[in-house]
Amino acid sequence: MFSLTDACHANAAARGRLCACLHGGTLGRLRSLTGDLGAAAATRLFTPGAPADHLFGLRQGMVMLSSQMPDGRRQVLAFLLPGDIFGFTADSIHHETATALERSSFCRFGRDDIEADPELSERLHQVARRQLLDAHDRLLCLGRMTAPERVAGFLADLRRRSGRPAALHLPMRLADIADHLGLRPETVSRCFTDLRRQGVIGTLGVDGILPLYRPEALPC
């Protein structure tokens, strides 16, 4: 069975790996703490105010993290890929919504169980720090980039995290990408059209597959 550990080692370029640096007995302890879950597309794994007793590791599929602003607008915080860890919180409840964008599978482990193991706990803190740095970098980029740069950068980052494939799987809507990049859906659509005219990408299929014809033209 495909496990979180397999996902971590299969895609070393991606971040957020709890078990990528664990070996031997520690990996065995991690496996003993996990429970398996599955979710259909559009399933909400947790919502704001729900108890944050567990962390989740995405095995297959894609998950979107989002937060609702006081004025009702939505901010998409992240699109998670296989091997990513999520469910971090500074207190005992969740403050964001996690939604499966397609049929997905997960492992789940109790926060108390992880914290009780020094090596697992230290690795967990490393992952959390890495994710904070990534969030900081994204904020800097969003504040300084033009709309075309944001869209191209988003595709480049997703490609890097996916292991640099020849095509990207985009199960999210353009509106989701727009809410992630701080743009309007029609702006994202125009940027996709411009990249297609430049021969960088192909046409986004109904199956969510986006061919990459000249990925080297995307930002590194």
Foldseek 3Di string as FASTA:
>chain_A
DQDLQNQCVVQVLAAAALCVPPDDPVVVLVVVQKDKDKDFAFDKPFAWPAFLFKKKAWAAAKKWKWAADPVGAIATQDIDHHNHIDSDDPDGTDRIIIGGLGITMIIMGTPVSQVVDVSSVVSNVVSVVVVVVVSVVLVVCLVPDDLLLLLLQVVLVQCSNVRNDQKDAASDQLCNSCSHSVHHSVSSVVSVVVCVVVVQWHDQDPRRIIGGRNNVPRDD
